[in-house]
Structures are given as C-alpha cells and as structure tokens.
Amino acid sequence: MSWASLAIALSGAGVLVTGTLAALFLRDPVAGMVATSHRAEQLPQVMANRYVAMLVLAVGATVYGDLKVIALLFAAFAYMAFHDSWIYARAGQAVSKHIGAGIAALIVFGVTVLAIGQGS
C-alpha cells in the first residue's frame, strides 16, 4: 500500500468517526456531549478553537486555489451558519448574524460553482 493510499484510507476512517459523531449529536445532543466529553461551561473556549480551525481551512483552500475544495468548504460553512440559525430561531434567539454568514458563504459557493462551470 502506498503512502497516498494509506492517507486516503485513514481519511475515510476519519469520515466514519466524524459522521458517527455528527449523527449522534443530531439525534441526541446530550448523548453527543457525553460521548465526546464536552462540557457546556467550556463551549465558549471550544468555539474559539472551532473558529481558528475554520480560518485555517479557509486560508488553506484559498492558498491551494482548488475551486472544488473552495466550493465544498463554503457549502459546509453555509450549512453550519443556516443550521445554527435554525437552532437559534427555534429557541427564540436572534438569527441575523448567522443568516448573514450563511448568505456570504453561499455567495462564495455560488461564484465558485460558476467558475468551475466556466472551466476555470
């Protein structure tokens, strides 16, 4: 097995683990918190970590310049923003900042898809 094949296989294993955790959190957020040892009182610090990770992903995608990677990343960013909006709306909280972030990410996604369609 080549290093590239091993890297892809390990990435696939990461997809399975992350997908399992995503399904758990979507189905039962409390069970997800327990399974991952997250604590509500540390969530503001965890969110800081998540934003740094999203920044690194966005910088990497931008520097690498692969339009498919940029499209996928910003589609995921839009999903996160709109899903957060839905969660906050159900709780009666403000949603405008999350909707704005989702729209901005969708614009990047849309422009990138158009660029891919042009063969750029």
PDB file of N, CA and C in Angstrom:
ATOM      1  N   MET A   1       0.856  -1.181   0.000  1.00  0.00           N
ATOM      2  CA  MET A   1       0.000   0.000   0.000  1.00  0.00           C
ATOM      3  C   MET A   1       0.898   1.239   0.000  1.00  0.00           C
ATOM      4  N   SER A   2       0.581   2.172  -0.874  1.00  0.00           N
ATOM      5  CA  SER A   2       1.366   3.408  -0.947  1.00  0.00           C
ATOM      6  C   SER A   2       0.967   4.346   0.184  1.00  0.00           C
ATOM      7  N   TRP A   3       1.821   5.333   0.433  1.00  0.00           N
ATOM      8  CA  TRP A   3       1.504   6.347   1.447  1.00  0.00           C
ATOM      9  C   TRP A   3       0.222   7.091   1.077  1.00  0.00           C
ATOM     10  N   ALA A   4       0.044   7.362  -0.215  1.00  0.00           N
ATOM     11  CA  ALA A   4      -1.163   8.071  -0.654  1.00  0.00           C
ATOM     12  C   ALA A   4      -2.411   7.237  -0.377  1.00  0.00           C
ATOM     13  N   SER A   5      -2.343   5.942  -0.670  1.00  0.00           N
ATOM     14  CA  SER A   5      -3.484   5.061  -0.403  1.00  0.00           C
ATOM     15  C   SER A   5      -3.782   4.983   1.085  1.00  0.00           C
ATOM     16  N   LEU A   6      -2.725   4.905   1.884  1.00  0.00           N
ATOM     17  CA  LEU A   6      -2.906   4.866   3.332  1.00  0.00           C
ATOM     18  C   LEU A   6      -3.528   6.166   3.839  1.00  0.00           C
ATOM     19  N   ALA A   7      -3.057   7.294   3.318  1.00  0.00           N
ATOM     20  CA  ALA A   7      -3.611   8.591   3.726  1.00  0.00           C
ATOM     21  C   ALA A   7      -5.098   8.672   3.401  1.00  0.00           C
ATOM     22  N   ILE A   8      -5.484   8.200   2.221  1.00  0.00           N
ATOM     23  CA  ILE A   8      -6.897   8.229   1.827  1.00  0.00           C
ATOM     24  C   ILE A   8      -7.709   7.275   2.698  1.00  0.00           C
ATOM     25  N   ALA A   9      -7.168   6.105   2.992  1.00  0.00           N
ATOM     26  CA  ALA A   9      -7.870   5.151   3.853  1.00  0.00           C
ATOM     27  C   ALA A   9      -8.065   5.725   5.253  1.00  0.00           C
ATOM     28  N   LEU A  10      -7.031   6.352   5.798  1.00  0.00           N
ATOM     29  CA  LEU A  10      -7.146   6.962   7.124  1.00  0.00           C
ATOM     30  C   LEU A  10      -8.139   8.118   7.112  1.00  0.00           C
ATOM     31  N   SER A  11      -8.141   8.883   6.032  1.00  0.00           N
ATOM     32  CA  SER A  11      -9.123   9.956   5.897  1.00  0.00           C
ATOM     33  C   SER A  11     -10.537   9.376   5.875  1.00  0.00           C
ATOM     34  N   GLY A  12     -10.716   8.275   5.174  1.00  0.00           N
ATOM     35  CA  GLY A  12     -12.016   7.605   5.154  1.00  0.00           C
ATOM     36  C   GLY A  12     -12.438   7.142   6.539  1.00  0.00           C
ATOM     37  N   ALA A  13     -11.491   6.641   7.323  1.00  0.00           N
ATOM     38  CA  ALA A  13     -11.799   6.256   8.704  1.00  0.00           C
ATOM     39  C   ALA A  13     -12.233   7.480   9.506  1.00  0.00           C
ATOM     40  N   GLY A  14     -11.568   8.605   9.262  1.00  0.00           N
ATOM     41  CA  GLY A  14     -11.969   9.850   9.923  1.00  0.00           C
ATOM     42  C   GLY A  14     -13.373  10.271   9.533  1.00  0.00           C
ATOM     43  N   VAL A  15     -13.734  10.039   8.274  1.00  0.00           N
ATOM     44  CA  VAL A  15     -15.096  10.340   7.814  1.00  0.00           C
ATOM     45  C   VAL A  15     -16.103   9.495   8.597  1.00  0.00           C
ATOM     46  N   LEU A  16     -15.804   8.216   8.777  1.00  0.00           N
ATOM     47  CA  LEU A  16     -16.721   7.332   9.510  1.00  0.00           C
ATOM     48  C   LEU A  16     -16.894   7.775  10.957  1.00  0.00           C
ATOM     49  N   VAL A  17     -15.796   8.095  11.623  1.00  0.00           N
ATOM     50  CA  VAL A  17     -15.874   8.528  13.024  1.00  0.00           C
ATOM     51  C   VAL A  17     -16.621   9.852  13.135  1.00  0.00           C
ATOM     52  N   THR A  18     -16.248  10.817  12.300  1.00  0.00           N
ATOM     53  CA  THR A  18     -16.896  12.127  12.346  1.00  0.00           C
ATOM     54  C   THR A  18     -18.372  12.016  11.985  1.00  0.00           C
ATOM     55  N   GLY A  19     -18.686  11.210  10.992  1.00  0.00           N
ATOM     56  CA  GLY A  19     -20.080  11.011  10.606  1.00  0.00           C
ATOM     57  C   GLY A  19     -20.900  10.379  11.719  1.00  0.00           C
ATOM     58  N   THR A  20     -20.308   9.421  12.416  1.00  0.00           N
ATOM     59  CA  THR A  20     -20.991   8.795  13.550  1.00  0.00           C
ATOM     60  C   THR A  20     -21.274   9.819  14.641  1.00  0.00           C
ATOM     61  N   LEU A  21     -20.279  10.642  14.953  1.00  0.00           N
ATOM     62  CA  LEU A  21     -20.476  11.677  15.976  1.00  0.00           C
ATOM     63  C   LEU A  21     -21.500  12.711  15.526  1.00  0.00           C
ATOM     64  N   ALA A  22     -21.466  13.082  14.248  1.00  0.00           N
ATOM     65  CA  ALA A  22     -22.449  14.044  13.735  1.00  0.00           C
ATOM     66  C   ALA A  22     -23.856  13.485  13.890  1.00  0.00           C
ATOM     67  N   ALA A  23     -24.051  12.223  13.520  1.00  0.00           N
ATOM     68  CA  ALA A  23     -25.370  11.600  13.652  1.00  0.00           C
ATOM     69  C   ALA A  23     -25.803  11.545  15.114  1.00  0.00           C
ATOM     70  N   LEU A  24     -24.873  11.222  16.001  1.00  0.00           N
ATOM     71  CA  LEU A  24     -25.189  11.171  17.423  1.00  0.00           C
ATOM     72  C   LEU A  24     -25.628  12.537  17.938  1.00  0.00           C
ATOM     73  N   PHE A  25     -24.863  13.585  17.606  1.00  0.00           N
ATOM     74  CA  PHE A  25     -25.222  14.932  18.054  1.00  0.00           C
ATOM     75  C   PHE A  25     -26.555  15.384  17.467  1.00  0.00           C
ATOM     76  N   LEU A  26     -26.827  15.047  16.211  1.00  0.00           N
ATOM     77  CA  LEU A  26     -28.103  15.431  15.602  1.00  0.00           C
ATOM     78  C   LEU A  26     -29.277  14.702  16.256  1.00  0.00           C
ATOM     79  N   ARG A  27     -29.075  13.454  16.590  1.00  0.00           N
ATOM     80  CA  ARG A  27     -30.133  12.641  17.184  1.00  0.00           C
ATOM     81  C   ARG A  27     -30.344  12.975  18.654  1.00  0.00           C
ATOM     82  N   ASP A  28     -29.230  13.126  19.400  1.00  0.00           N
ATOM     83  CA  ASP A  28     -29.313  13.344  20.851  1.00  0.00           C
ATOM     84  C   ASP A  28     -28.112  14.176  21.297  1.00  0.00           C
ATOM     85  N   PRO A  29     -28.242  15.509  21.283  1.00  0.00           N
ATOM     86  CA  PRO A  29     -27.112  16.369  21.635  1.00  0.00           C
ATOM     87  C   PRO A  29     -26.519  16.086  23.019  1.00  0.00           C
ATOM     88  N   VAL A  30     -27.346  15.737  23.976  1.00  0.00           N
ATOM     89  CA  VAL A  30     -26.834  15.446  25.321  1.00  0.00           C
ATOM     90  C   VAL A  30     -25.944  14.203  25.283  1.00  0.00           C
ATOM     91  N   ALA A  31     -26.386  13.170  24.593  1.00  0.00           N
ATOM     92  CA  ALA A  31     -25.569  11.961  24.458  1.00  0.00           C
ATOM     93  C   ALA A  31     -24.282  12.265  23.699  1.00  0.00           C
ATOM     94  N   GLY A  32     -24.370  13.146  22.700  1.00  0.00           N
ATOM     95  CA  GLY A  32     -23.170  13.550  21.971  1.00  0.00           C
ATOM     96  C   GLY A  32     -22.166  14.245  22.872  1.00  0.00           C
ATOM     97  N   MET A  33     -22.670  15.121  23.725  1.00  0.00           N
ATOM     98  CA  MET A  33     -21.780  15.818  24.670  1.00  0.00           C
ATOM     99  C   MET A  33     -21.101  14.816  25.597  1.00  0.00           C
ATOM    100  N   VAL A  34     -21.854  13.842  26.085  1.00  0.00           N
ATOM    101  CA  VAL A  34     -21.294  12.831  26.979  1.00  0.00           C
ATOM    102  C   VAL A  34     -20.266  11.975  26.238  1.00  0.00           C
ATOM    103  N   ALA A  35     -20.618  11.519  25.045  1.00  0.00           N
ATOM    104  CA  ALA A  35     -19.733  10.632  24.279  1.00  0.00           C
ATOM    105  C   ALA A  35     -18.403  11.295  23.934  1.00  0.00           C
ATOM    106  N   THR A  36     -18.425  12.607  23.728  1.00  0.00           N
ATOM    107  CA  THR A  36     -17.202  13.316  23.339  1.00  0.00           C
ATOM    108  C   THR A  36     -16.521  14.015  24.508  1.00  0.00           C
ATOM    109  N   SER A  37     -17.076  13.868  25.698  1.00  0.00           N
ATOM    110  CA  SER A  37     -16.540  14.503  26.916  1.00  0.00           C
ATOM    111  C   SER A  37     -16.537  16.021  26.847  1.00  0.00           C
ATOM    112  N   HIS A  38     -17.408  16.609  26.022  1.00  0.00           N
ATOM    113  CA  HIS A  38     -17.539  18.066  26.003  1.00  0.00           C
ATOM    114  C   HIS A  38     -18.319  18.509  27.232  1.00  0.00           C
ATOM    115  N   ARG A  39     -18.038  19.724  27.686  1.00  0.00           N
ATOM    116  CA  ARG A  39     -18.731  20.307  28.828  1.00  0.00           C
ATOM    117  C   ARG A  39     -19.285  21.657  28.418  1.00  0.00           C
ATOM    118  N   ALA A  40     -20.543  21.904  28.741  1.00  0.00           N
ATOM    119  CA  ALA A  40     -21.218  23.143  28.336  1.00  0.00           C
ATOM    120  C   ALA A  40     -20.473  24.383  28.814  1.00  0.00           C
ATOM    121  N   GLU A  41     -19.898  24.319  30.001  1.00  0.00           N
ATOM    122  CA  GLU A  41     -19.216  25.502  30.533  1.00  0.00           C
ATOM    123  C   GLU A  41     -17.942  25.864  29.761  1.00  0.00           C
ATOM    124  N   GLN A  42     -17.380  24.930  29.015  1.00  0.00           N
ATOM    125  CA  GLN A  42     -16.195  25.221  28.204  1.00  0.00           C
ATOM    126  C   GLN A  42     -16.534  25.523  26.745  1.00  0.00           C
ATOM    127  N   LEU A  43     -17.806  25.515  26.376  1.00  0.00           N
ATOM    128  CA  LEU A  43     -18.176  25.711  24.973  1.00  0.00           C
ATOM    129  C   LEU A  43     -17.697  27.038  24.385  1.00  0.00           C
ATOM    130  N   PRO A  44     -17.686  28.150  25.133  1.00  0.00           N
ATOM    131  CA  PRO A  44     -17.128  29.373  24.524  1.00  0.00           C
ATOM    132  C   PRO A  44     -15.666  29.208  24.099  1.00  0.00           C
ATOM    133  N   GLN A  45     -14.874  28.507  24.897  1.00  0.00           N
ATOM    134  CA  GLN A  45     -13.478  28.265  24.524  1.00  0.00           C
ATOM    135  C   GLN A  45     -13.395  27.284  23.356  1.00  0.00           C
ATOM    136  N   VAL A  46     -14.262  26.287  23.358  1.00  0.00           N
ATOM    137  CA  VAL A  46     -14.298  25.326  22.253  1.00  0.00           C
ATOM    138  C   VAL A  46     -14.666  26.042  20.956  1.00  0.00           C
ATOM    139  N   MET A  47     -15.603  26.987  21.034  1.00  0.00           N
ATOM    140  CA  MET A  47     -15.998  27.741  19.836  1.00  0.00           C
ATOM    141  C   MET A  47     -14.818  28.540  19.286  1.00  0.00           C
ATOM    142  N   ALA A  48     -13.993  29.099  20.166  1.00  0.00           N
ATOM    143  CA  ALA A  48     -12.799  29.820  19.702  1.00  0.00           C
ATOM    144  C   ALA A  48     -11.910  28.878  18.899  1.00  0.00           C
ATOM    145  N   ASN A  49     -11.724  27.677  19.407  1.00  0.00           N
ATOM    146  CA  ASN A  49     -10.936  26.662  18.714  1.00  0.00           C
ATOM    147  C   ASN A  49     -11.546  26.341  17.351  1.00  0.00           C
ATOM    148  N   ARG A  50     -12.864  26.215  17.294  1.00  0.00           N
ATOM    149  CA  ARG A  50     -13.532  25.899  16.034  1.00  0.00           C
ATOM    150  C   ARG A  50     -13.342  27.015  15.007  1.00  0.00           C
ATOM    151  N   TYR A  51     -13.436  28.265  15.458  1.00  0.00           N
ATOM    152  CA  TYR A  51     -13.250  29.373  14.524  1.00  0.00           C
ATOM    153  C   TYR A  51     -11.814  29.437  14.012  1.00  0.00           C
ATOM    154  N   VAL A  52     -10.843  29.122  14.857  1.00  0.00           N
ATOM    155  CA  VAL A  52      -9.453  29.064  14.389  1.00  0.00           C
ATOM    156  C   VAL A  52      -9.313  27.954  13.348  1.00  0.00           C
ATOM    157  N   ALA A  53      -9.923  26.798  13.600  1.00  0.00           N
ATOM    158  CA  ALA A  53      -9.857  25.695  12.636  1.00  0.00           C
ATOM    159  C   ALA A  53     -10.515  26.074  11.314  1.00  0.00           C
ATOM    160  N   MET A  54     -11.674  26.752  11.373  1.00  0.00           N
ATOM    161  CA  MET A  54     -12.337  27.185  10.136  1.00  0.00           C
ATOM    162  C   MET A  54     -11.468  28.192   9.388  1.00  0.00           C
ATOM    163  N   LEU A  55     -10.791  29.073  10.123  1.00  0.00           N
ATOM    164  CA  LEU A  55      -9.878  30.034   9.497  1.00  0.00           C
ATOM    165  C   LEU A  55      -8.753  29.303   8.766  1.00  0.00           C
ATOM    166  N   VAL A  56      -8.153  28.330   9.425  1.00  0.00           N
ATOM    167  CA  VAL A  56      -7.060  27.573   8.807  1.00  0.00           C
ATOM    168  C   VAL A  56      -7.553  26.854   7.550  1.00  0.00           C
ATOM    169  N   LEU A  57      -8.735  26.256   7.614  1.00  0.00           N
ATOM    170  CA  LEU A  57      -9.294  25.593   6.430  1.00  0.00           C
ATOM    171  C   LEU A  57      -9.533  26.582   5.294  1.00  0.00           C
ATOM    172  N   ALA A  58     -10.089  27.749   5.616  1.00  0.00           N
ATOM    173  CA  ALA A  58     -10.362  28.754   4.579  1.00  0.00           C
ATOM    174  C   ALA A  58      -9.068  29.290   3.976  1.00  0.00           C
ATOM    175  N   VAL A  59      -8.068  29.551   4.814  1.00  0.00           N
ATOM    176  CA  VAL A  59      -6.773  30.020   4.298  1.00  0.00           C
ATOM    177  C   VAL A  59      -6.151  28.939   3.417  1.00  0.00           C
ATOM    178  N   GLY A  60      -6.167  27.697   3.881  1.00  0.00           N
ATOM    179  CA  GLY A  60      -5.600  26.605   3.098  1.00  0.00           C
ATOM    180  C   GLY A  60      -6.285  26.442   1.757  1.00  0.00           C
ATOM    181  N   ALA A  61      -7.612  26.476   1.746  1.00  0.00           N
ATOM    182  CA  ALA A  61      -8.354  26.346   0.490  1.00  0.00           C
ATOM    183  C   ALA A  61      -8.037  27.497  -0.447  1.00  0.00           C
ATOM    184  N   THR A  62      -7.942  28.700   0.110  1.00  0.00           N
ATOM    185  CA  THR A  62      -7.664  29.883  -0.708  1.00  0.00           C
ATOM    186  C   THR A  62      -6.261  29.824  -1.298  1.00  0.00           C
ATOM    187  N   VAL A  63      -5.276  29.483  -0.474  1.00  0.00           N
ATOM    188  CA  VAL A  63      -3.888  29.420  -0.950  1.00  0.00           C
ATOM    189  C   VAL A  63      -3.720  28.275  -1.950  1.00  0.00           C
ATOM    190  N   TYR A  64      -4.326  27.123  -1.677  1.00  0.00           N
ATOM    191  CA  TYR A  64      -4.232  25.981  -2.578  1.00  0.00           C
ATOM    192  C   TYR A  64      -4.917  26.291  -3.905  1.00  0.00           C
ATOM    193  N   GLY A  65      -6.026  27.012  -3.845  1.00  0.00           N
ATOM    194  CA  GLY A  65      -6.676  27.507  -5.050  1.00  0.00           C
ATOM    195  C   GLY A  65      -7.488  26.498  -5.840  1.00  0.00           C
ATOM    196  N   ASP A  66      -7.811  25.362  -5.261  1.00  0.00           N
ATOM    197  CA  ASP A  66      -8.627  24.374  -5.966  1.00  0.00           C
ATOM    198  C   ASP A  66     -10.094  24.761  -5.804  1.00  0.00           C
ATOM    199  N   LEU A  67     -10.759  25.069  -6.907  1.00  0.00           N
ATOM    200  CA  LEU A  67     -12.135  25.553  -6.850  1.00  0.00           C
ATOM    201  C   LEU A  67     -13.092  24.532  -6.242  1.00  0.00           C
ATOM    202  N   LYS A  68     -12.861  23.249  -6.485  1.00  0.00           N
ATOM    203  CA  LYS A  68     -13.735  22.226  -5.902  1.00  0.00           C
ATOM    204  C   LYS A  68     -13.620  22.213  -4.378  1.00  0.00           C
ATOM    205  N   VAL A  69     -12.412  22.378  -3.881  1.00  0.00           N
ATOM    206  CA  VAL A  69     -12.201  22.423  -2.428  1.00  0.00           C
ATOM    207  C   VAL A  69     -12.860  23.666  -1.843  1.00  0.00           C
ATOM    208  N   ILE A  70     -12.699  24.807  -2.504  1.00  0.00           N
ATOM    209  CA  ILE A  70     -13.323  26.052  -2.035  1.00  0.00           C
ATOM    210  C   ILE A  70     -14.841  25.905  -2.024  1.00  0.00           C
ATOM    211  N   ALA A  71     -15.415  25.344  -3.087  1.00  0.00           N
ATOM    212  CA  ALA A  71     -16.871  25.168  -3.155  1.00  0.00           C
ATOM    213  C   ALA A  71     -17.363  24.271  -2.024  1.00  0.00           C
ATOM    214  N   LEU A  72     -16.712  23.155  -1.817  1.00  0.00           N
ATOM    215  CA  LEU A  72     -17.121  22.231  -0.761  1.00  0.00           C
ATOM    216  C   LEU A  72     -17.006  22.882   0.613  1.00  0.00           C
ATOM    217  N   LEU A  73     -15.905  23.569   0.857  1.00  0.00           N
ATOM    218  CA  LEU A  73     -15.694  24.212   2.150  1.00  0.00           C
ATOM    219  C   LEU A  73     -16.767  25.251   2.434  1.00  0.00           C
ATOM    220  N   PHE A  74     -17.054  26.101   1.464  1.00  0.00           N
ATOM    221  CA  PHE A  74     -18.024  27.163   1.709  1.00  0.00           C
ATOM    222  C   PHE A  74     -19.463  26.646   1.703  1.00  0.00           C
ATOM    223  N   ALA A  75     -19.720  25.523   1.039  1.00  0.00           N
ATOM    224  CA  ALA A  75     -21.026  24.872   1.188  1.00  0.00           C
ATOM    225  C   ALA A  75     -21.187  24.386   2.631  1.00  0.00           C
ATOM    226  N   ALA A  76     -20.121  23.823   3.187  1.00  0.00           N
ATOM    227  CA  ALA A  76     -20.158  23.377   4.587  1.00  0.00           C
ATOM    228  C   ALA A  76     -20.321  24.562   5.531  1.00  0.00           C
ATOM    229  N   PHE A  77     -19.617  25.665   5.255  1.00  0.00           N
ATOM    230  CA  PHE A  77     -19.769  26.866   6.084  1.00  0.00           C
ATOM    231  C   PHE A  77     -21.211  27.372   6.030  1.00  0.00           C
ATOM    232  N   ALA A  78     -21.811  27.375   4.843  1.00  0.00           N
ATOM    233  CA  ALA A  78     -23.202  27.828   4.710  1.00  0.00           C
ATOM    234  C   ALA A  78     -24.129  26.911   5.508  1.00  0.00           C
ATOM    235  N   TYR A  79     -23.912  25.613   5.390  1.00  0.00           N
ATOM    236  CA  TYR A  79     -24.718  24.667   6.171  1.00  0.00           C
ATOM    237  C   TYR A  79     -24.620  24.982   7.661  1.00  0.00           C
ATOM    238  N   MET A  80     -23.398  25.168   8.162  1.00  0.00           N
ATOM    239  CA  MET A  80     -23.227  25.445   9.591  1.00  0.00           C
ATOM    240  C   MET A  80     -23.978  26.704   9.993  1.00  0.00           C
ATOM    241  N   ALA A  81     -23.853  27.755   9.210  1.00  0.00           N
ATOM    242  CA  ALA A  81     -24.497  29.026   9.553  1.00  0.00           C
ATOM    243  C   ALA A  81     -26.015  28.898   9.537  1.00  0.00           C
ATOM    244  N   PHE A  82     -26.560  28.266   8.507  1.00  0.00           N
ATOM    245  CA  PHE A  82     -28.013  28.129   8.425  1.00  0.00           C
ATOM    246  C   PHE A  82     -28.556  27.162   9.479  1.00  0.00           C
ATOM    247  N   HIS A  83     -27.808  26.112   9.771  1.00  0.00           N
ATOM    248  CA  HIS A  83     -28.246  25.189  10.820  1.00  0.00           C
ATOM    249  C   HIS A  83     -28.243  25.900  12.175  1.00  0.00           C
ATOM    250  N   ASP A  84     -27.201  26.681  12.453  1.00  0.00           N
ATOM    251  CA  ASP A  84     -27.178  27.471  13.689  1.00  0.00           C
ATOM    252  C   ASP A  84     -28.363  28.429  13.735  1.00  0.00           C
ATOM    253  N   SER A  85     -28.677  29.059  12.604  1.00  0.00           N
ATOM    254  CA  SER A  85     -29.832  29.967  12.541  1.00  0.00           C
ATOM    255  C   SER A  85     -31.108  29.237  12.921  1.00  0.00           C
ATOM    256  N   TRP A  86     -31.281  28.043  12.388  1.00  0.00           N
ATOM    257  CA  TRP A  86     -32.467  27.243  12.677  1.00  0.00           C
ATOM    258  C   TRP A  86     -32.548  26.906  14.167  1.00  0.00           C
ATOM    259  N   ILE A  87     -31.410  26.515  14.746  1.00  0.00           N
ATOM    260  CA  ILE A  87     -31.368  26.188  16.176  1.00  0.00           C
ATOM    261  C   ILE A  87     -31.753  27.410  17.007  1.00  0.00           C
ATOM    262  N   TYR A  88     -31.141  28.556  16.698  1.00  0.00           N
ATOM    263  CA  TYR A  88     -31.424  29.770  17.465  1.00  0.00           C
ATOM    264  C   TYR A  88     -32.853  30.257  17.245  1.00  0.00           C
ATOM    265  N   ALA A  89     -33.369  30.141  16.036  1.00  0.00           N
ATOM    266  CA  ALA A  89     -34.748  30.567  15.763  1.00  0.00           C
ATOM    267  C   ALA A  89     -35.733  29.737  16.586  1.00  0.00           C
ATOM    268  N   ARG A  90     -35.496  28.442  16.663  1.00  0.00           N
ATOM    269  CA  ARG A  90     -36.377  27.576  17.466  1.00  0.00           C
ATOM    270  C   ARG A  90     -36.338  27.941  18.938  1.00  0.00           C
ATOM    271  N   ALA A  91     -35.219  28.517  19.389  1.00  0.00           N
ATOM    272  CA  ALA A  91     -35.082  28.927  20.791  1.00  0.00           C
ATOM    273  C   ALA A  91     -35.525  30.371  21.003  1.00  0.00           C
ATOM    274  N   GLY A  92     -35.998  31.026  19.934  1.00  0.00           N
ATOM    275  CA  GLY A  92     -36.450  32.407  20.048  1.00  0.00           C
ATOM    276  C   GLY A  92     -35.322  33.423  20.130  1.00  0.00           C
ATOM    277  N   GLN A  93     -34.151  33.052  19.668  1.00  0.00           N
ATOM    278  CA  GLN A  93     -32.975  33.925  19.715  1.00  0.00           C
ATOM    279  C   GLN A  93     -32.777  34.640  18.378  1.00  0.00           C
ATOM    280  N   ALA A  94     -31.912  35.646  18.392  1.00  0.00           N
ATOM    281  CA  ALA A  94     -31.586  36.391  17.172  1.00  0.00           C
ATOM    282  C   ALA A  94     -30.855  35.485  16.179  1.00  0.00           C
ATOM    283  N   VAL A  95     -31.154  35.668  14.905  1.00  0.00           N
ATOM    284  CA  VAL A  95     -30.553  34.818  13.871  1.00  0.00           C
ATOM    285  C   VAL A  95     -29.865  35.610  12.761  1.00  0.00           C
ATOM    286  N   SER A  96     -29.958  36.922  12.779  1.00  0.00           N
ATOM    287  CA  SER A  96     -29.500  37.718  11.633  1.00  0.00           C
ATOM    288  C   SER A  96     -28.017  37.526  11.326  1.00  0.00           C
ATOM    289  N   LYS A  97     -27.170  37.436  12.338  1.00  0.00           N
ATOM    290  CA  LYS A  97     -25.733  37.263  12.073  1.00  0.00           C
ATOM    291  C   LYS A  97     -25.449  35.912  11.429  1.00  0.00           C
ATOM    292  N   HIS A  98     -26.135  34.879  11.883  1.00  0.00           N
ATOM    293  CA  HIS A  98     -25.916  33.559  11.298  1.00  0.00           C
ATOM    294  C   HIS A  98     -26.478  33.481   9.881  1.00  0.00           C
ATOM    295  N   ILE A  99     -27.629  34.093   9.660  1.00  0.00           N
ATOM    296  CA  ILE A  99     -28.178  34.119   8.302  1.00  0.00           C
ATOM    297  C   ILE A  99     -27.247  34.898   7.378  1.00  0.00           C
ATOM    298  N   GLY A 100     -26.724  36.018   7.857  1.00  0.00           N
ATOM    299  CA  GLY A 100     -25.770  36.796   7.056  1.00  0.00           C
ATOM    300  C   GLY A 100     -24.533  35.992   6.704  1.00  0.00           C
ATOM    301  N   ALA A 101     -24.015  35.247   7.685  1.00  0.00           N
ATOM    302  CA  ALA A 101     -22.843  34.398   7.426  1.00  0.00           C
ATOM    303  C   ALA A 101     -23.183  33.308   6.417  1.00  0.00           C
ATOM    304  N   GLY A 102     -24.378  32.733   6.533  1.00  0.00           N
ATOM    305  CA  GLY A 102     -24.796  31.703   5.586  1.00  0.00           C
ATOM    306  C   GLY A 102     -24.924  32.238   4.176  1.00  0.00           C
ATOM    307  N   ILE A 103     -25.493  33.428   4.054  1.00  0.00           N
ATOM    308  CA  ILE A 103     -25.629  34.049   2.728  1.00  0.00           C
ATOM    309  C   ILE A 103     -24.255  34.349   2.139  1.00  0.00           C
ATOM    310  N   ALA A 104     -23.350  34.887   2.964  1.00  0.00           N
ATOM    311  CA  ALA A 104     -21.994  35.179   2.478  1.00  0.00           C
ATOM    312  C   ALA A 104     -21.305  33.905   1.993  1.00  0.00           C
ATOM    313  N   ALA A 105     -21.432  32.828   2.760  1.00  0.00           N
ATOM    314  CA  ALA A 105     -20.823  31.560   2.351  1.00  0.00           C
ATOM    315  C   ALA A 105     -21.471  31.022   1.079  1.00  0.00           C
ATOM    316  N   LEU A 106     -22.791  31.184   0.954  1.00  0.00           N
ATOM    317  CA  LEU A 106     -23.476  30.746  -0.268  1.00  0.00           C
ATOM    318  C   LEU A 106     -23.022  31.539  -1.485  1.00  0.00           C
ATOM    319  N   ILE A 107     -22.741  32.823  -1.297  1.00  0.00           N
ATOM    320  CA  ILE A 107     -22.239  33.633  -2.410  1.00  0.00           C
ATOM    321  C   ILE A 107     -20.897  33.094  -2.881  1.00  0.00           C
ATOM    322  N   VAL A 108     -19.990  32.814  -1.922  1.00  0.00           N
ATOM    323  CA  VAL A 108     -18.689  32.243  -2.301  1.00  0.00           C
ATOM    324  C   VAL A 108     -18.905  30.915  -3.019  1.00  0.00           C
ATOM    325  N   PHE A 109     -19.768  30.076  -2.472  1.00  0.00           N
ATOM    326  CA  PHE A 109     -20.068  28.788  -3.097  1.00  0.00           C
ATOM    327  C   PHE A 109     -20.602  28.978  -4.514  1.00  0.00           C
ATOM    328  N   GLY A 110     -21.576  29.863  -4.674  1.00  0.00           N
ATOM    329  CA  GLY A 110     -22.190  30.085  -5.984  1.00  0.00           C
ATOM    330  C   GLY A 110     -21.214  30.598  -7.022  1.00  0.00           C
ATOM    331  N   VAL A 111     -20.414  31.586  -6.639  1.00  0.00           N
ATOM    332  CA  VAL A 111     -19.418  32.130  -7.571  1.00  0.00           C
ATOM    333  C   VAL A 111     -18.410  31.047  -7.941  1.00  0.00           C
ATOM    334  N   THR A 112     -18.029  30.234  -6.966  1.00  0.00           N
ATOM    335  CA  THR A 112     -17.060  29.167  -7.227  1.00  0.00           C
ATOM    336  C   THR A 112     -17.641  28.118  -8.173  1.00  0.00           C
ATOM    337  N   VAL A 113     -18.899  27.753  -7.976  1.00  0.00           N
ATOM    338  CA  VAL A 113     -19.548  26.794  -8.880  1.00  0.00           C
ATOM    339  C   VAL A 113     -19.625  27.367 -10.295  1.00  0.00           C
ATOM    340  N   LEU A 114     -19.940  28.663 -10.414  1.00  0.00           N
ATOM    341  CA  LEU A 114     -19.955  29.294 -11.740  1.00  0.00           C
ATOM    342  C   LEU A 114     -18.568  29.247 -12.381  1.00  0.00           C
ATOM    343  N   ALA A 115     -17.537  29.489 -11.577  1.00  0.00           N
ATOM    344  CA  ALA A 115     -16.166  29.434 -12.102  1.00  0.00           C
ATOM    345  C   ALA A 115     -15.816  28.023 -12.562  1.00  0.00           C
ATOM    346  N   ILE A 116     -16.240  27.028 -11.794  1.00  0.00           N
ATOM    347  CA  ILE A 116     -15.997  25.635 -12.191  1.00  0.00           C
ATOM    348  C   ILE A 116     -16.711  25.346 -13.511  1.00  0.00           C
ATOM    349  N   GLY A 117     -17.933  25.848 -13.649  1.00  0.00           N
ATOM    350  CA  GLY A 117     -18.706  25.651 -14.876  1.00  0.00           C
ATOM    351  C   GLY A 117     -18.073  26.281 -16.097  1.00  0.00           C
ATOM    352  N   GLN A 118     -17.321  27.357 -15.884  1.00  0.00           N
ATOM    353  CA  GLN A 118     -16.625  28.015 -16.994  1.00  0.00           C
ATOM    354  C   GLN A 118     -15.328  27.312 -17.347  1.00  0.00           C
ATOM    355  N   GLY A 119     -14.961  26.330 -16.545  1.00  0.00           N
ATOM    356  CA  GLY A 119     -13.718  25.621 -16.805  1.00  0.00           C
ATOM    357  C   GLY A 119     -12.497  26.342 -16.290  1.00  0.00           C
ATOM    358  N   SER A 120     -12.688  27.220 -15.324  1.00  0.00           N
ATOM    359  CA  SER A 120     -11.557  27.975 -14.754  1.00  0.00           C
ATOM    360  C   SER A 120     -10.652  27.089 -13.950  1.00  0.00           C
TER     361      SER A 120
END
